[in-house]
Amino acid sequence: MNKYKLTLYVTGKSSKSKKAIKNLNNLCKKVASDTYTLEIVDTLENPERAEKARVIATPTLVKEFPLPAKRIVGDLSNEKKLLISLDLPPVPEPDTEEVKQ
Protein backbone atom coordinates (compact mmCIF):
# COMPACT_ATOMS: atom_id res chain seq x y z
CA MET A 1 0.00 0.00 0.00
CA ASN A 2 1.24 3.48 -0.81
CA LYS A 3 2.13 5.76 2.04
CA TYR A 4 -0.44 8.52 2.50
CA LYS A 5 0.78 12.08 2.93
CA LEU A 6 -1.81 14.13 4.80
CA THR A 7 -1.75 17.76 5.92
CA LEU A 8 -4.39 19.06 8.30
CA TYR A 9 -4.83 22.83 8.49
CA VAL A 10 -6.35 24.05 11.75
CA THR A 11 -6.86 27.40 13.48
CA GLY A 12 -5.32 27.43 16.92
CA LYS A 13 -6.68 25.19 19.64
CA SER A 14 -10.35 25.66 18.86
CA SER A 15 -12.81 22.88 19.64
CA LYS A 16 -13.23 22.17 15.90
CA SER A 17 -9.47 21.92 15.48
CA LYS A 18 -9.13 19.52 18.41
CA LYS A 19 -12.03 17.41 17.17
CA ALA A 20 -10.62 17.18 13.63
CA ILE A 21 -7.18 16.16 14.93
CA LYS A 22 -8.68 13.51 17.21
CA ASN A 23 -11.00 12.13 14.52
CA LEU A 24 -8.24 11.91 11.93
CA ASN A 25 -5.73 10.32 14.29
CA ASN A 26 -8.29 7.72 15.37
CA LEU A 27 -9.20 6.85 11.80
CA CYS A 28 -5.60 6.61 10.62
CA LYS A 29 -4.70 4.33 13.52
CA LYS A 30 -7.61 2.02 12.68
CA VAL A 31 -7.08 1.84 8.94
CA ALA A 32 -3.74 3.15 7.80
CA SER A 33 -1.61 2.40 10.88
CA ASP A 34 1.98 2.99 9.74
CA THR A 35 1.16 3.83 6.13
CA TYR A 36 0.68 7.56 6.57
CA THR A 37 2.43 10.76 7.54
CA LEU A 38 0.38 13.53 9.06
CA GLU A 39 1.45 17.13 9.36
CA ILE A 40 -0.69 19.55 11.34
CA VAL A 41 -0.39 23.20 10.32
CA ASP A 42 -1.77 25.90 12.60
CA THR A 43 -2.84 28.72 10.30
CA LEU A 44 -2.39 31.25 13.11
CA GLU A 45 1.28 30.34 13.39
CA ASN A 46 1.87 29.68 9.67
CA PRO A 47 -0.55 31.82 7.64
CA GLU A 48 1.79 31.69 4.64
CA ARG A 49 1.43 27.88 4.45
CA ALA A 50 -2.35 28.18 4.39
CA GLU A 51 -2.17 30.89 1.74
CA LYS A 52 0.22 28.87 -0.40
CA ALA A 53 -2.06 25.81 -0.12
CA ARG A 54 -5.09 28.03 -0.82
CA VAL A 55 -6.81 27.01 2.38
CA ILE A 56 -9.65 29.42 3.12
CA ALA A 57 -11.56 27.45 5.78
CA THR A 58 -10.42 25.31 8.68
CA PRO A 59 -10.16 22.55 9.55
CA THR A 60 -9.12 21.43 6.07
CA LEU A 61 -7.48 18.09 5.36
CA VAL A 62 -5.35 17.83 2.24
CA LYS A 63 -4.41 14.38 0.94
CA GLU A 64 -1.30 15.10 -1.09
CA PHE A 65 -0.30 11.53 -1.89
CA PRO A 66 -1.23 9.19 -3.44
CA LEU A 67 -2.67 11.19 -6.28
CA PRO A 68 -5.18 12.53 -7.01
CA ALA A 69 -4.88 15.18 -4.31
CA LYS A 70 -8.07 15.77 -2.35
CA ARG A 71 -9.42 18.30 0.16
CA ILE A 72 -11.90 17.71 2.92
CA VAL A 73 -13.28 20.57 5.00
CA GLY A 74 -14.85 20.07 8.43
CA ASP A 75 -14.26 18.27 11.71
CA LEU A 76 -13.77 14.91 9.96
CA SER A 77 -16.41 13.22 12.09
CA ASN A 78 -18.11 11.37 9.23
CA GLU A 79 -15.83 8.35 9.14
CA LYS A 80 -17.49 6.65 6.17
CA LYS A 81 -17.29 9.79 4.01
CA LEU A 82 -13.69 10.35 5.06
CA LEU A 83 -12.70 6.79 4.11
CA ILE A 84 -14.27 7.17 0.67
CA SER A 85 -12.73 10.60 0.14
CA LEU A 86 -9.25 9.39 1.05
CA ASP A 87 -9.60 6.12 -0.90
CA LEU A 88 -8.94 4.12 2.26
CA PRO A 89 -10.30 0.63 2.87
CA PRO A 90 -13.34 0.33 5.13
CA VAL A 91 -12.77 0.08 8.87
CA PRO A 92 -12.97 -3.57 9.93
CA GLU A 93 -16.10 -4.31 11.93
CA PRO A 94 -15.49 -5.66 15.42
CA ASP A 95 -16.10 -9.38 15.72
CA THR A 96 -19.51 -9.63 17.33
CA GLU A 97 -19.87 -13.41 17.18
CA GLU A 98 -19.94 -15.03 20.55
CA VAL A 99 -17.55 -17.87 21.07
CA LYS A 100 -19.52 -21.07 21.58
CA GLN A 101 -18.32 -23.44 24.23
PDB file of N, CA and C in Angstrom:
ATOM      1  N   MET A   1       0.845  -1.182   0.000  1.00  0.00           N
ATOM      2  CA  MET A   1       0.000   0.000   0.000  1.00  0.00           C
ATOM      3  C   MET A   1       0.891   1.246   0.000  1.00  0.00           C
ATOM      4  N   ASN A   2       0.508   2.235  -0.771  1.00  0.00           N
ATOM      5  CA  ASN A   2       1.241   3.485  -0.811  1.00  0.00           C
ATOM      6  C   ASN A   2       1.128   4.218   0.514  1.00  0.00           C
ATOM      7  N   LYS A   3       2.159   4.954   0.832  1.00  0.00           N
ATOM      8  CA  LYS A   3       2.134   5.758   2.044  1.00  0.00           C
ATOM      9  C   LYS A   3       1.339   7.026   1.769  1.00  0.00           C
ATOM     10  N   TYR A   4       0.392   7.337   2.635  1.00  0.00           N
ATOM     11  CA  TYR A   4      -0.439   8.523   2.496  1.00  0.00           C
ATOM     12  C   TYR A   4       0.274   9.718   3.106  1.00  0.00           C
ATOM     13  N   LYS A   5       0.239  10.836   2.398  1.00  0.00           N
ATOM     14  CA  LYS A   5       0.777  12.082   2.929  1.00  0.00           C
ATOM     15  C   LYS A   5      -0.403  13.011   3.155  1.00  0.00           C
ATOM     16  N   LEU A   6      -0.666  13.319   4.423  1.00  0.00           N
ATOM     17  CA  LEU A   6      -1.813  14.130   4.802  1.00  0.00           C
ATOM     18  C   LEU A   6      -1.342  15.390   5.522  1.00  0.00           C
ATOM     19  N   THR A   7      -2.002  16.508   5.215  1.00  0.00           N
ATOM     20  CA  THR A   7      -1.750  17.757   5.916  1.00  0.00           C
ATOM     21  C   THR A   7      -3.084  18.287   6.406  1.00  0.00           C
ATOM     22  N   LEU A   8      -3.168  18.537   7.695  1.00  0.00           N
ATOM     23  CA  LEU A   8      -4.388  19.058   8.298  1.00  0.00           C
ATOM     24  C   LEU A   8      -4.134  20.501   8.719  1.00  0.00           C
ATOM     25  N   TYR A   9      -4.917  21.413   8.149  1.00  0.00           N
ATOM     26  CA  TYR A   9      -4.827  22.833   8.487  1.00  0.00           C
ATOM     27  C   TYR A   9      -5.888  23.150   9.526  1.00  0.00           C
ATOM     28  N   VAL A  10      -5.451  23.704  10.659  1.00  0.00           N
ATOM     29  CA  VAL A  10      -6.355  24.055  11.747  1.00  0.00           C
ATOM     30  C   VAL A  10      -6.097  25.496  12.166  1.00  0.00           C
ATOM     31  N   THR A  11      -7.020  26.037  12.954  1.00  0.00           N
ATOM     32  CA  THR A  11      -6.864  27.396  13.476  1.00  0.00           C
ATOM     33  C   THR A  11      -6.756  27.331  14.989  1.00  0.00           C
ATOM     34  N   GLY A  12      -5.539  27.426  15.483  1.00  0.00           N
ATOM     35  CA  GLY A  12      -5.322  27.429  16.925  1.00  0.00           C
ATOM     36  C   GLY A  12      -5.798  26.161  17.599  1.00  0.00           C
ATOM     37  N   LYS A  13      -6.227  26.319  18.836  1.00  0.00           N
ATOM     38  CA  LYS A  13      -6.678  25.187  19.644  1.00  0.00           C
ATOM     39  C   LYS A  13      -8.185  25.225  19.841  1.00  0.00           C
ATOM     40  N   SER A  14      -8.894  25.599  18.780  1.00  0.00           N
ATOM     41  CA  SER A  14     -10.351  25.662  18.856  1.00  0.00           C
ATOM     42  C   SER A  14     -10.931  24.257  19.026  1.00  0.00           C
ATOM     43  N   SER A  15     -12.181  24.188  19.450  1.00  0.00           N
ATOM     44  CA  SER A  15     -12.808  22.882  19.637  1.00  0.00           C
ATOM     45  C   SER A  15     -12.914  22.127  18.314  1.00  0.00           C
ATOM     46  N   LYS A  16     -13.176  22.838  17.218  1.00  0.00           N
ATOM     47  CA  LYS A  16     -13.231  22.175  15.902  1.00  0.00           C
ATOM     48  C   LYS A  16     -11.871  21.625  15.510  1.00  0.00           C
ATOM     49  N   SER A  17     -10.831  22.376  15.788  1.00  0.00           N
ATOM     50  CA  SER A  17      -9.472  21.922  15.478  1.00  0.00           C
ATOM     51  C   SER A  17      -9.134  20.661  16.259  1.00  0.00           C
ATOM     52  N   LYS A  18      -9.415  20.685  17.564  1.00  0.00           N
ATOM     53  CA  LYS A  18      -9.132  19.524  18.410  1.00  0.00           C
ATOM     54  C   LYS A  18      -9.920  18.304  17.962  1.00  0.00           C
ATOM     55  N   LYS A  19     -11.185  18.523  17.605  1.00  0.00           N
ATOM     56  CA  LYS A  19     -12.034  17.411  17.169  1.00  0.00           C
ATOM     57  C   LYS A  19     -11.522  16.816  15.862  1.00  0.00           C
ATOM     58  N   ALA A  20     -11.126  17.664  14.918  1.00  0.00           N
ATOM     59  CA  ALA A  20     -10.617  17.180  13.633  1.00  0.00           C
ATOM     60  C   ALA A  20      -9.331  16.381  13.828  1.00  0.00           C
ATOM     61  N   ILE A  21      -8.445  16.869  14.670  1.00  0.00           N
ATOM     62  CA  ILE A  21      -7.182  16.163  14.933  1.00  0.00           C
ATOM     63  C   ILE A  21      -7.466  14.797  15.550  1.00  0.00           C
ATOM     64  N   LYS A  22      -8.342  14.773  16.537  1.00  0.00           N
ATOM     65  CA  LYS A  22      -8.683  13.515  17.209  1.00  0.00           C
ATOM     66  C   LYS A  22      -9.332  12.531  16.243  1.00  0.00           C
ATOM     67  N   ASN A  23     -10.308  13.003  15.469  1.00  0.00           N
ATOM     68  CA  ASN A  23     -11.001  12.128  14.521  1.00  0.00           C
ATOM     69  C   ASN A  23     -10.048  11.552  13.484  1.00  0.00           C
ATOM     70  N   LEU A  24      -9.173  12.384  12.951  1.00  0.00           N
ATOM     71  CA  LEU A  24      -8.237  11.915  11.930  1.00  0.00           C
ATOM     72  C   LEU A  24      -7.224  10.933  12.504  1.00  0.00           C
ATOM     73  N   ASN A  25      -6.676  11.250  13.665  1.00  0.00           N
ATOM     74  CA  ASN A  25      -5.727  10.321  14.294  1.00  0.00           C
ATOM     75  C   ASN A  25      -6.369   8.974  14.573  1.00  0.00           C
ATOM     76  N   ASN A  26      -7.587   8.979  15.091  1.00  0.00           N
ATOM     77  CA  ASN A  26      -8.289   7.718  15.372  1.00  0.00           C
ATOM     78  C   ASN A  26      -8.505   6.902  14.108  1.00  0.00           C
ATOM     79  N   LEU A  27      -8.941   7.552  13.050  1.00  0.00           N
ATOM     80  CA  LEU A  27      -9.196   6.845  11.796  1.00  0.00           C
ATOM     81  C   LEU A  27      -7.903   6.278  11.219  1.00  0.00           C
ATOM     82  N   CYS A  28      -6.863   7.074  11.195  1.00  0.00           N
ATOM     83  CA  CYS A  28      -5.598   6.612  10.623  1.00  0.00           C
ATOM     84  C   CYS A  28      -5.028   5.434  11.403  1.00  0.00           C
ATOM     85  N   LYS A  29      -5.181   5.444  12.712  1.00  0.00           N
ATOM     86  CA  LYS A  29      -4.696   4.325  13.521  1.00  0.00           C
ATOM     87  C   LYS A  29      -5.475   3.047  13.217  1.00  0.00           C
ATOM     88  N   LYS A  30      -6.774   3.184  12.976  1.00  0.00           N
ATOM     89  CA  LYS A  30      -7.611   2.020  12.680  1.00  0.00           C
ATOM     90  C   LYS A  30      -7.312   1.427  11.312  1.00  0.00           C
ATOM     91  N   VAL A  31      -7.127   2.293  10.329  1.00  0.00           N
ATOM     92  CA  VAL A  31      -7.078   1.836   8.940  1.00  0.00           C
ATOM     93  C   VAL A  31      -5.683   1.864   8.344  1.00  0.00           C
ATOM     94  N   ALA A  32      -4.994   2.970   8.510  1.00  0.00           N
ATOM     95  CA  ALA A  32      -3.738   3.152   7.797  1.00  0.00           C
ATOM     96  C   ALA A  32      -2.518   2.788   8.632  1.00  0.00           C
ATOM     97  N   SER A  33      -2.681   2.689   9.919  1.00  0.00           N
ATOM     98  CA  SER A  33      -1.609   2.405  10.882  1.00  0.00           C
ATOM     99  C   SER A  33      -0.306   3.110  10.515  1.00  0.00           C
ATOM    100  N   ASP A  34       0.677   2.373  10.015  1.00  0.00           N
ATOM    101  CA  ASP A  34       1.983   2.988   9.738  1.00  0.00           C
ATOM    102  C   ASP A  34       2.144   3.407   8.278  1.00  0.00           C
ATOM    103  N   THR A  35       1.061   3.507   7.550  1.00  0.00           N
ATOM    104  CA  THR A  35       1.155   3.833   6.125  1.00  0.00           C
ATOM    105  C   THR A  35       0.812   5.290   5.831  1.00  0.00           C
ATOM    106  N   TYR A  36       0.998   6.162   6.817  1.00  0.00           N
ATOM    107  CA  TYR A  36       0.678   7.565   6.574  1.00  0.00           C
ATOM    108  C   TYR A  36       1.624   8.482   7.333  1.00  0.00           C
ATOM    109  N   THR A  37       1.778   9.687   6.796  1.00  0.00           N
ATOM    110  CA  THR A  37       2.431  10.762   7.535  1.00  0.00           C
ATOM    111  C   THR A  37       1.398  11.868   7.650  1.00  0.00           C
ATOM    112  N   LEU A  38       1.347  12.464   8.807  1.00  0.00           N
ATOM    113  CA  LEU A  38       0.383  13.527   9.062  1.00  0.00           C
ATOM    114  C   LEU A  38       1.117  14.747   9.587  1.00  0.00           C
ATOM    115  N   GLU A  39       0.904  15.865   8.906  1.00  0.00           N
ATOM    116  CA  GLU A  39       1.449  17.132   9.359  1.00  0.00           C
ATOM    117  C   GLU A  39       0.273  18.020   9.734  1.00  0.00           C
ATOM    118  N   ILE A  40       0.353  18.634  10.903  1.00  0.00           N
ATOM    119  CA  ILE A  40      -0.693  19.555  11.339  1.00  0.00           C
ATOM    120  C   ILE A  40      -0.130  20.964  11.265  1.00  0.00           C
ATOM    121  N   VAL A  41      -0.827  21.824  10.516  1.00  0.00           N
ATOM    122  CA  VAL A  41      -0.386  23.202  10.317  1.00  0.00           C
ATOM    123  C   VAL A  41      -1.394  24.130  10.977  1.00  0.00           C
ATOM    124  N   ASP A  42      -0.926  24.895  11.952  1.00  0.00           N
ATOM    125  CA  ASP A  42      -1.768  25.898  12.602  1.00  0.00           C
ATOM    126  C   ASP A  42      -1.694  27.168  11.757  1.00  0.00           C
ATOM    127  N   THR A  43      -2.817  27.565  11.198  1.00  0.00           N
ATOM    128  CA  THR A  43      -2.838  28.721  10.298  1.00  0.00           C
ATOM    129  C   THR A  43      -2.582  30.038  11.029  1.00  0.00           C
ATOM    130  N   LEU A  44      -2.732  30.052  12.348  1.00  0.00           N
ATOM    131  CA  LEU A  44      -2.394  31.254  13.114  1.00  0.00           C
ATOM    132  C   LEU A  44      -0.879  31.421  13.204  1.00  0.00           C
ATOM    133  N   GLU A  45      -0.171  30.309  13.295  1.00  0.00           N
ATOM    134  CA  GLU A  45       1.285  30.337  13.387  1.00  0.00           C
ATOM    135  C   GLU A  45       1.959  30.367  12.018  1.00  0.00           C
ATOM    136  N   ASN A  46       1.307  29.792  11.014  1.00  0.00           N
ATOM    137  CA  ASN A  46       1.873  29.685   9.669  1.00  0.00           C
ATOM    138  C   ASN A  46       0.871  30.119   8.603  1.00  0.00           C
ATOM    139  N   PRO A  47       0.459  31.384   8.617  1.00  0.00           N
ATOM    140  CA  PRO A  47      -0.545  31.820   7.636  1.00  0.00           C
ATOM    141  C   PRO A  47      -0.051  31.703   6.194  1.00  0.00           C
ATOM    142  N   GLU A  48       1.263  31.792   6.001  1.00  0.00           N
ATOM    143  CA  GLU A  48       1.795  31.689   4.643  1.00  0.00           C
ATOM    144  C   GLU A  48       1.609  30.287   4.063  1.00  0.00           C
ATOM    145  N   ARG A  49       1.664  29.262   4.918  1.00  0.00           N
ATOM    146  CA  ARG A  49       1.431  27.882   4.450  1.00  0.00           C
ATOM    147  C   ARG A  49      -0.009  27.712   3.989  1.00  0.00           C
ATOM    148  N   ALA A  50      -0.936  28.272   4.766  1.00  0.00           N
ATOM    149  CA  ALA A  50      -2.350  28.183   4.390  1.00  0.00           C
ATOM    150  C   ALA A  50      -2.605  28.939   3.094  1.00  0.00           C
ATOM    151  N   GLU A  51      -1.987  30.090   2.957  1.00  0.00           N
ATOM    152  CA  GLU A  51      -2.169  30.886   1.738  1.00  0.00           C
ATOM    153  C   GLU A  51      -1.597  30.152   0.533  1.00  0.00           C
ATOM    154  N   LYS A  52      -0.416  29.594   0.697  1.00  0.00           N
ATOM    155  CA  LYS A  52       0.223  28.865  -0.404  1.00  0.00           C
ATOM    156  C   LYS A  52      -0.615  27.655  -0.822  1.00  0.00           C
ATOM    157  N   ALA A  53      -1.223  26.989   0.164  1.00  0.00           N
ATOM    158  CA  ALA A  53      -2.057  25.814  -0.121  1.00  0.00           C
ATOM    159  C   ALA A  53      -3.482  26.205  -0.512  1.00  0.00           C
ATOM    160  N   ARG A  54      -3.766  27.499  -0.493  1.00  0.00           N
ATOM    161  CA  ARG A  54      -5.086  28.030  -0.825  1.00  0.00           C
ATOM    162  C   ARG A  54      -6.180  27.495   0.094  1.00  0.00           C
ATOM    163  N   VAL A  55      -5.857  27.432   1.365  1.00  0.00           N
ATOM    164  CA  VAL A  55      -6.814  27.008   2.384  1.00  0.00           C
ATOM    165  C   VAL A  55      -7.540  28.251   2.867  1.00  0.00           C
ATOM    166  N   ILE A  56      -8.872  28.246   2.707  1.00  0.00           N
ATOM    167  CA  ILE A  56      -9.653  29.417   3.122  1.00  0.00           C
ATOM    168  C   ILE A  56     -10.588  29.116   4.287  1.00  0.00           C
ATOM    169  N   ALA A  57     -10.712  27.849   4.653  1.00  0.00           N
ATOM    170  CA  ALA A  57     -11.556  27.452   5.783  1.00  0.00           C
ATOM    171  C   ALA A  57     -10.815  26.368   6.557  1.00  0.00           C
ATOM    172  N   THR A  58     -11.037  26.343   7.861  1.00  0.00           N
ATOM    173  CA  THR A  58     -10.417  25.311   8.676  1.00  0.00           C
ATOM    174  C   THR A  58     -11.466  24.667   9.563  1.00  0.00           C
ATOM    175  N   PRO A  59     -11.244  23.432   9.939  1.00  0.00           N
ATOM    176  CA  PRO A  59     -10.162  22.552   9.553  1.00  0.00           C
ATOM    177  C   PRO A  59     -10.311  22.082   8.091  1.00  0.00           C
ATOM    178  N   THR A  60      -9.171  21.967   7.418  1.00  0.00           N
ATOM    179  CA  THR A  60      -9.115  21.426   6.068  1.00  0.00           C
ATOM    180  C   THR A  60      -8.039  20.351   6.027  1.00  0.00           C
ATOM    181  N   LEU A  61      -8.415  19.179   5.542  1.00  0.00           N
ATOM    182  CA  LEU A  61      -7.477  18.089   5.362  1.00  0.00           C
ATOM    183  C   LEU A  61      -7.116  18.019   3.889  1.00  0.00           C
ATOM    184  N   VAL A  62      -5.821  17.974   3.611  1.00  0.00           N
ATOM    185  CA  VAL A  62      -5.349  17.831   2.236  1.00  0.00           C
ATOM    186  C   VAL A  62      -4.616  16.497   2.138  1.00  0.00           C
ATOM    187  N   LYS A  63      -5.123  15.632   1.254  1.00  0.00           N
ATOM    188  CA  LYS A  63      -4.414  14.380   0.944  1.00  0.00           C
ATOM    189  C   LYS A  63      -3.535  14.700  -0.251  1.00  0.00           C
ATOM    190  N   GLU A  64      -2.227  14.729  -0.027  1.00  0.00           N
ATOM    191  CA  GLU A  64      -1.301  15.097  -1.087  1.00  0.00           C
ATOM    192  C   GLU A  64      -0.823  13.884  -1.879  1.00  0.00           C
ATOM    193  N   PHE A  65      -0.751  12.745  -1.227  1.00  0.00           N
ATOM    194  CA  PHE A  65      -0.297  11.530  -1.889  1.00  0.00           C
ATOM    195  C   PHE A  65      -0.991  10.353  -1.264  1.00  0.00           C
ATOM    196  N   PRO A  66      -1.366   9.353  -2.003  1.00  0.00           N
ATOM    197  CA  PRO A  66      -1.225   9.190  -3.441  1.00  0.00           C
ATOM    198  C   PRO A  66      -2.199  10.083  -4.208  1.00  0.00           C
ATOM    199  N   LEU A  67      -1.821  10.368  -5.423  1.00  0.00           N
ATOM    200  CA  LEU A  67      -2.668  11.188  -6.282  1.00  0.00           C
ATOM    201  C   LEU A  67      -3.932  10.436  -6.638  1.00  0.00           C
ATOM    202  N   PRO A  68      -5.016  11.093  -6.904  1.00  0.00           N
ATOM    203  CA  PRO A  68      -5.176  12.530  -7.009  1.00  0.00           C
ATOM    204  C   PRO A  68      -5.274  13.181  -5.623  1.00  0.00           C
ATOM    205  N   ALA A  69      -4.778  14.409  -5.544  1.00  0.00           N
ATOM    206  CA  ALA A  69      -4.876  15.180  -4.308  1.00  0.00           C
ATOM    207  C   ALA A  69      -6.341  15.475  -4.026  1.00  0.00           C
ATOM    208  N   LYS A  70      -6.685  15.495  -2.759  1.00  0.00           N
ATOM    209  CA  LYS A  70      -8.071  15.767  -2.355  1.00  0.00           C
ATOM    210  C   LYS A  70      -8.081  16.673  -1.146  1.00  0.00           C
ATOM    211  N   ARG A  71      -9.202  17.418  -0.989  1.00  0.00           N
ATOM    212  CA  ARG A  71      -9.418  18.299   0.163  1.00  0.00           C
ATOM    213  C   ARG A  71     -10.737  17.943   0.825  1.00  0.00           C
ATOM    214  N   ILE A  72     -10.700  17.962   2.142  1.00  0.00           N
ATOM    215  CA  ILE A  72     -11.898  17.710   2.921  1.00  0.00           C
ATOM    216  C   ILE A  72     -11.976  18.798   3.990  1.00  0.00           C
ATOM    217  N   VAL A  73     -13.101  19.482   4.048  1.00  0.00           N
ATOM    218  CA  VAL A  73     -13.282  20.574   5.003  1.00  0.00           C
ATOM    219  C   VAL A  73     -14.269  20.123   6.068  1.00  0.00           C
ATOM    220  N   GLY A  74     -13.952  20.392   7.327  1.00  0.00           N
ATOM    221  CA  GLY A  74     -14.854  20.065   8.429  1.00  0.00           C
ATOM    222  C   GLY A  74     -14.121  19.369   9.551  1.00  0.00           C
ATOM    223  N   ASP A  75     -14.874  18.887  10.530  1.00  0.00           N
ATOM    224  CA  ASP A  75     -14.259  18.274  11.711  1.00  0.00           C
ATOM    225  C   ASP A  75     -13.910  16.803  11.523  1.00  0.00           C
ATOM    226  N   LEU A  76     -14.151  16.278  10.334  1.00  0.00           N
ATOM    227  CA  LEU A  76     -13.769  14.911   9.962  1.00  0.00           C
ATOM    228  C   LEU A  76     -14.478  13.850  10.798  1.00  0.00           C
ATOM    229  N   SER A  77     -15.685  14.151  11.233  1.00  0.00           N
ATOM    230  CA  SER A  77     -16.413  13.218  12.093  1.00  0.00           C
ATOM    231  C   SER A  77     -17.186  12.157  11.314  1.00  0.00           C
ATOM    232  N   ASN A  78     -17.407  12.362  10.025  1.00  0.00           N
ATOM    233  CA  ASN A  78     -18.114  11.368   9.228  1.00  0.00           C
ATOM    234  C   ASN A  78     -17.088  10.370   8.693  1.00  0.00           C
ATOM    235  N   GLU A  79     -16.881   9.314   9.446  1.00  0.00           N
ATOM    236  CA  GLU A  79     -15.832   8.346   9.144  1.00  0.00           C
ATOM    237  C   GLU A  79     -16.010   7.697   7.779  1.00  0.00           C
ATOM    238  N   LYS A  80     -17.233   7.319   7.447  1.00  0.00           N
ATOM    239  CA  LYS A  80     -17.488   6.646   6.168  1.00  0.00           C
ATOM    240  C   LYS A  80     -17.144   7.566   4.991  1.00  0.00           C
ATOM    241  N   LYS A  81     -17.573   8.820   5.069  1.00  0.00           N
ATOM    242  CA  LYS A  81     -17.287   9.793   4.010  1.00  0.00           C
ATOM    243  C   LYS A  81     -15.786  10.049   3.903  1.00  0.00           C
ATOM    244  N   LEU A  82     -15.126  10.115   5.034  1.00  0.00           N
ATOM    245  CA  LEU A  82     -13.690  10.347   5.057  1.00  0.00           C
ATOM    246  C   LEU A  82     -12.932   9.188   4.407  1.00  0.00           C
ATOM    247  N   LEU A  83     -13.328   7.966   4.710  1.00  0.00           N
ATOM    248  CA  LEU A  83     -12.696   6.791   4.106  1.00  0.00           C
ATOM    249  C   LEU A  83     -12.831   6.810   2.586  1.00  0.00           C
ATOM    250  N   ILE A  84     -14.026   7.118   2.118  1.00  0.00           N
ATOM    251  CA  ILE A  84     -14.268   7.173   0.674  1.00  0.00           C
ATOM    252  C   ILE A  84     -13.447   8.297   0.047  1.00  0.00           C
ATOM    253  N   SER A  85     -13.447   9.450   0.683  1.00  0.00           N
ATOM    254  CA  SER A  85     -12.732  10.604   0.137  1.00  0.00           C
ATOM    255  C   SER A  85     -11.229  10.372   0.062  1.00  0.00           C
ATOM    256  N   LEU A  86     -10.690   9.642   1.014  1.00  0.00           N
ATOM    257  CA  LEU A  86      -9.247   9.387   1.052  1.00  0.00           C
ATOM    258  C   LEU A  86      -8.856   8.109   0.319  1.00  0.00           C
ATOM    259  N   ASP A  87      -9.840   7.397  -0.220  1.00  0.00           N
ATOM    260  CA  ASP A  87      -9.595   6.123  -0.899  1.00  0.00           C
ATOM    261  C   ASP A  87      -8.950   5.102   0.034  1.00  0.00           C
ATOM    262  N   LEU A  88      -9.422   5.079   1.282  1.00  0.00           N
ATOM    263  CA  LEU A  88      -8.938   4.116   2.262  1.00  0.00           C
ATOM    264  C   LEU A  88      -9.901   2.940   2.331  1.00  0.00           C
ATOM    265  N   PRO A  89      -9.406   1.769   2.713  1.00  0.00           N
ATOM    266  CA  PRO A  89     -10.299   0.626   2.865  1.00  0.00           C
ATOM    267  C   PRO A  89     -11.256   0.840   4.031  1.00  0.00           C
ATOM    268  N   PRO A  90     -12.394   0.170   4.025  1.00  0.00           N
ATOM    269  CA  PRO A  90     -13.342   0.328   5.135  1.00  0.00           C
ATOM    270  C   PRO A  90     -12.730  -0.131   6.454  1.00  0.00           C
ATOM    271  N   VAL A  91     -13.222   0.466   7.535  1.00  0.00           N
ATOM    272  CA  VAL A  91     -12.772   0.077   8.875  1.00  0.00           C
ATOM    273  C   VAL A  91     -13.331  -1.309   9.167  1.00  0.00           C
ATOM    274  N   PRO A  92     -12.475  -2.229   9.601  1.00  0.00           N
ATOM    275  CA  PRO A  92     -12.970  -3.568   9.931  1.00  0.00           C
ATOM    276  C   PRO A  92     -13.986  -3.512  11.060  1.00  0.00           C
ATOM    277  N   GLU A  93     -15.065  -4.234  10.897  1.00  0.00           N
ATOM    278  CA  GLU A  93     -16.095  -4.306  11.927  1.00  0.00           C
ATOM    279  C   GLU A  93     -15.596  -5.182  13.066  1.00  0.00           C
ATOM    280  N   PRO A  94     -15.898  -4.807  14.300  1.00  0.00           N
ATOM    281  CA  PRO A  94     -15.488  -5.664  15.421  1.00  0.00           C
ATOM    282  C   PRO A  94     -16.206  -7.003  15.337  1.00  0.00           C
ATOM    283  N   ASP A  95     -15.528  -8.049  15.744  1.00  0.00           N
ATOM    284  CA  ASP A  95     -16.105  -9.385  15.717  1.00  0.00           C
ATOM    285  C   ASP A  95     -17.157  -9.478  16.799  1.00  0.00           C
ATOM    286  N   THR A  96     -18.423  -9.606  16.366  1.00  0.00           N
ATOM    287  CA  THR A  96     -19.513  -9.632  17.326  1.00  0.00           C
ATOM    288  C   THR A  96     -20.018 -11.047  17.620  1.00  0.00           C
ATOM    289  N   GLU A  97     -19.447 -12.037  16.941  1.00  0.00           N
ATOM    290  CA  GLU A  97     -19.874 -13.414  17.175  1.00  0.00           C
ATOM    291  C   GLU A  97     -19.409 -13.879  18.546  1.00  0.00           C
ATOM    292  N   GLU A  98     -20.304 -14.486  19.242  1.00  0.00           N
ATOM    293  CA  GLU A  98     -19.937 -15.027  20.549  1.00  0.00           C
ATOM    294  C   GLU A  98     -19.248 -16.361  20.337  1.00  0.00           C
ATOM    295  N   VAL A  99     -18.268 -16.604  21.142  1.00  0.00           N
ATOM    296  CA  VAL A  99     -17.550 -17.868  21.071  1.00  0.00           C
ATOM    297  C   VAL A  99     -18.404 -18.923  21.757  1.00  0.00           C
ATOM    298  N   LYS A 100     -18.701 -19.985  21.014  1.00  0.00           N
ATOM    299  CA  LYS A 100     -19.519 -21.068  21.577  1.00  0.00           C
ATOM    300  C   LYS A 100     -18.626 -22.057  22.287  1.00  0.00           C
ATOM    301  N   GLN A 101     -19.109 -22.487  23.443  1.00  0.00           N
ATOM    302  CA  GLN A 101     -18.317 -23.437  24.227  1.00  0.00           C
ATOM    303  C   GLN A 101     -18.819 -24.823  24.032  1.00  0.00           C
TER     304      GLN A 101
END
